[in-house]
């Protein structure tokens, strides 16, 4: 492919990109809450039962280890 052909291809692709870009909608921001005094609420953390069991076991092990150290 000659340099002039490469230039034409790059120019055509750039032009197509320029023409198509405005048609892509940007992600819209969520609507403002209906109540102006509303405060955002935290999303609750959801853990699997196995994870909760493991965390409880670790907590108990840490407590028993701390009580033996004192």
N, C-alpha and C. Protein backbone atom coordinates (compact mmCIF):
# COMPACT_ATOMS: atom_id res chain seq x y z
N UNK A 1 0.86 -1.17 0.00
CA UNK A 1 0.00 0.00 0.00
C UNK A 1 0.90 1.23 0.00
N UNK A 2 0.64 2.13 -0.90
CA UNK A 2 1.46 3.33 -1.00
C UNK A 2 1.13 4.31 0.12
N UNK A 3 2.00 5.28 0.29
CA UNK A 3 1.78 6.27 1.35
C UNK A 3 0.52 7.08 1.13
N UNK A 4 0.21 7.38 -0.12
CA UNK A 4 -1.01 8.15 -0.40
C UNK A 4 -2.25 7.33 -0.08
N UNK A 5 -2.20 6.01 -0.33
CA UNK A 5 -3.33 5.15 0.01
C UNK A 5 -3.49 5.05 1.53
N UNK A 6 -2.39 4.94 2.23
CA UNK A 6 -2.44 4.89 3.70
C UNK A 6 -3.03 6.18 4.24
N UNK A 7 -2.61 7.30 3.66
CA UNK A 7 -3.14 8.59 4.10
C UNK A 7 -4.64 8.66 3.87
N UNK A 8 -5.10 8.17 2.72
CA UNK A 8 -6.54 8.18 2.42
C UNK A 8 -7.31 7.32 3.40
N UNK A 9 -6.79 6.14 3.70
CA UNK A 9 -7.47 5.23 4.62
C UNK A 9 -7.54 5.85 6.01
N UNK A 10 -6.45 6.39 6.48
CA UNK A 10 -6.42 7.02 7.81
C UNK A 10 -7.35 8.22 7.84
N UNK A 11 -7.35 9.01 6.78
CA UNK A 11 -8.23 10.18 6.72
C UNK A 11 -9.69 9.76 6.73
N UNK A 12 -10.03 8.72 5.97
CA UNK A 12 -11.41 8.24 5.91
C UNK A 12 -11.85 7.69 7.26
N UNK A 13 -10.99 6.91 7.91
CA UNK A 13 -11.33 6.37 9.23
C UNK A 13 -11.48 7.48 10.26
N UNK A 14 -10.62 8.47 10.19
CA UNK A 14 -10.73 9.60 11.12
C UNK A 14 -12.03 10.37 10.90
N UNK A 15 -12.39 10.56 9.64
CA UNK A 15 -13.63 11.27 9.32
C UNK A 15 -14.84 10.48 9.82
N UNK A 16 -14.83 9.16 9.59
CA UNK A 16 -15.94 8.33 10.07
C UNK A 16 -16.04 8.37 11.59
N UNK A 17 -14.91 8.31 12.26
CA UNK A 17 -14.92 8.38 13.72
C UNK A 17 -15.46 9.72 14.19
N UNK A 18 -15.05 10.78 13.53
CA UNK A 18 -15.52 12.12 13.89
C UNK A 18 -17.02 12.26 13.68
N UNK A 19 -17.54 11.67 12.61
CA UNK A 19 -18.97 11.78 12.32
C UNK A 19 -19.82 10.90 13.22
N UNK A 20 -19.29 9.76 13.63
CA UNK A 20 -20.07 8.82 14.45
C UNK A 20 -19.99 9.13 15.94
N UNK A 21 -18.94 9.79 16.38
CA UNK A 21 -18.75 10.03 17.81
C UNK A 21 -19.88 10.81 18.46
N UNK A 22 -20.43 11.87 17.85
CA UNK A 22 -21.52 12.61 18.52
C UNK A 22 -22.79 11.78 18.71
N UNK A 23 -22.94 10.72 17.95
CA UNK A 23 -24.16 9.92 18.05
C UNK A 23 -24.13 8.95 19.23
N UNK A 24 -22.97 8.75 19.80
CA UNK A 24 -22.85 7.88 20.96
C UNK A 24 -23.25 8.68 22.18
N UNK A 25 -24.29 8.23 22.87
CA UNK A 25 -24.77 8.95 24.05
C UNK A 25 -23.85 8.69 25.23
N UNK A 26 -23.55 9.75 25.94
CA UNK A 26 -22.78 9.61 27.18
C UNK A 26 -23.69 9.06 28.25
N UNK A 27 -23.11 8.41 29.24
CA UNK A 27 -23.90 7.88 30.34
C UNK A 27 -24.52 9.04 31.10
N UNK A 28 -25.80 8.97 31.30
CA UNK A 28 -26.50 10.05 31.97
C UNK A 28 -26.38 9.89 33.48
N UNK A 29 -26.34 11.02 34.16
CA UNK A 29 -26.30 10.98 35.62
C UNK A 29 -27.70 10.69 36.15
N UNK A 30 -27.81 10.04 37.31
CA UNK A 30 -29.13 9.74 37.86
C UNK A 30 -29.88 11.01 38.22
N UNK A 31 -31.18 10.90 38.20
CA UNK A 31 -32.03 12.04 38.52
C UNK A 31 -31.86 12.44 39.98
N UNK A 32 -32.09 13.69 40.26
CA UNK A 32 -31.99 14.20 41.63
C UNK A 32 -33.14 13.63 42.44
N UNK A 33 -32.87 13.30 43.69
CA UNK A 33 -33.90 12.74 44.56
C UNK A 33 -35.05 13.71 44.71
N UNK A 34 -36.26 13.16 44.88
CA UNK A 34 -37.44 14.01 44.96
C UNK A 34 -37.45 14.84 46.24
N UNK A 35 -36.86 14.32 47.30
CA UNK A 35 -36.84 15.05 48.57
C UNK A 35 -35.49 15.76 48.70
N UNK A 36 -35.49 17.08 48.82
CA UNK A 36 -34.21 17.79 48.91
C UNK A 36 -33.47 17.51 50.21
N UNK A 37 -34.16 17.04 51.24
CA UNK A 37 -33.52 16.76 52.53
C UNK A 37 -33.11 15.30 52.69
N UNK A 38 -33.32 14.51 51.66
CA UNK A 38 -32.98 13.09 51.76
C UNK A 38 -31.47 12.92 51.80
N UNK A 39 -31.02 12.05 52.68
CA UNK A 39 -29.60 11.76 52.75
C UNK A 39 -29.35 10.41 52.09
N UNK A 40 -28.19 10.23 51.51
CA UNK A 40 -27.91 8.96 50.85
C UNK A 40 -27.81 7.84 51.88
N UNK A 41 -28.29 6.69 51.52
CA UNK A 41 -28.21 5.55 52.42
C UNK A 41 -27.10 4.63 51.95
N UNK A 42 -26.42 4.03 52.89
CA UNK A 42 -25.33 3.12 52.56
C UNK A 42 -25.90 1.83 51.99
N UNK A 43 -25.19 1.27 51.04
CA UNK A 43 -25.58 -0.01 50.49
C UNK A 43 -25.14 -1.08 51.47
N UNK A 44 -26.06 -1.92 51.92
CA UNK A 44 -25.67 -2.94 52.90
C UNK A 44 -24.72 -3.96 52.27
N UNK A 45 -23.75 -4.38 53.06
CA UNK A 45 -22.82 -5.40 52.60
C UNK A 45 -23.50 -6.76 52.69
N UNK A 46 -23.38 -7.54 51.64
CA UNK A 46 -24.00 -8.86 51.61
C UNK A 46 -22.88 -9.89 51.53
N UNK A 47 -22.82 -10.76 52.53
CA UNK A 47 -21.81 -11.80 52.58
C UNK A 47 -22.48 -13.16 52.53
N UNK A 48 -21.78 -14.13 52.00
CA UNK A 48 -22.32 -15.48 51.95
C UNK A 48 -22.31 -16.08 53.35
N UNK A 49 -23.17 -17.07 53.61
CA UNK A 49 -23.17 -17.72 54.93
C UNK A 49 -21.80 -18.30 55.29
N UNK A 50 -21.09 -18.84 54.31
CA UNK A 50 -19.77 -19.41 54.57
C UNK A 50 -18.80 -18.32 55.03
N UNK A 51 -18.84 -17.16 54.39
CA UNK A 51 -17.97 -16.06 54.78
C UNK A 51 -18.29 -15.58 56.19
N UNK A 52 -19.58 -15.47 56.51
CA UNK A 52 -19.96 -15.05 57.86
C UNK A 52 -19.50 -16.05 58.90
N UNK A 53 -19.60 -17.34 58.59
CA UNK A 53 -19.13 -18.38 59.51
C UNK A 53 -17.63 -18.27 59.72
N UNK A 54 -16.89 -18.07 58.63
CA UNK A 54 -15.43 -17.92 58.73
C UNK A 54 -15.05 -16.69 59.55
N UNK A 55 -15.74 -15.59 59.33
CA UNK A 55 -15.45 -14.37 60.09
C UNK A 55 -15.74 -14.55 61.57
N UNK A 56 -16.83 -15.23 61.87
CA UNK A 56 -17.18 -15.47 63.28
C UNK A 56 -16.12 -16.35 63.94
N UNK A 57 -15.65 -17.36 63.22
CA UNK A 57 -14.61 -18.25 63.74
C UNK A 57 -13.32 -17.47 63.99
N UNK A 58 -12.95 -16.59 63.06
CA UNK A 58 -11.75 -15.78 63.25
C UNK A 58 -11.90 -14.82 64.43
N UNK A 59 -13.09 -14.25 64.58
CA UNK A 59 -13.34 -13.34 65.69
C UNK A 59 -13.20 -14.07 67.02
N UNK A 60 -13.77 -15.26 67.11
CA UNK A 60 -13.68 -16.04 68.34
C UNK A 60 -12.25 -16.44 68.64
N UNK A 61 -11.50 -16.81 67.59
CA UNK A 61 -10.10 -17.18 67.79
C UNK A 61 -9.29 -15.98 68.26
N UNK A 62 -9.57 -14.81 67.72
CA UNK A 62 -8.85 -13.60 68.14
C UNK A 62 -9.17 -13.25 69.59
N UNK A 63 -10.43 -13.40 69.97
CA UNK A 63 -10.81 -13.09 71.36
C UNK A 63 -10.17 -14.06 72.34
N UNK A 64 -10.17 -15.34 71.99
CA UNK A 64 -9.56 -16.31 72.91
C UNK A 64 -8.05 -16.12 72.98
N UNK A 65 -7.44 -15.74 71.87
CA UNK A 65 -6.00 -15.49 71.85
C UNK A 65 -5.66 -14.25 72.68
N UNK A 66 -6.50 -13.22 72.59
CA UNK A 66 -6.27 -11.99 73.35
C UNK A 66 -6.46 -12.23 74.84
N UNK A 67 -7.43 -13.05 75.20
CA UNK A 67 -7.67 -13.30 76.63
C UNK A 67 -6.56 -14.15 77.22
N UNK A 68 -5.93 -15.03 76.43
CA UNK A 68 -4.81 -15.82 76.92
C UNK A 68 -3.55 -14.97 77.07
N UNK A 69 -3.43 -13.92 76.24
CA UNK A 69 -2.24 -13.06 76.29
C UNK A 69 -2.26 -12.17 77.53
N UNK A 70 -3.45 -11.87 78.04
CA UNK A 70 -3.55 -11.00 79.22
C UNK A 70 -3.39 -11.86 80.41
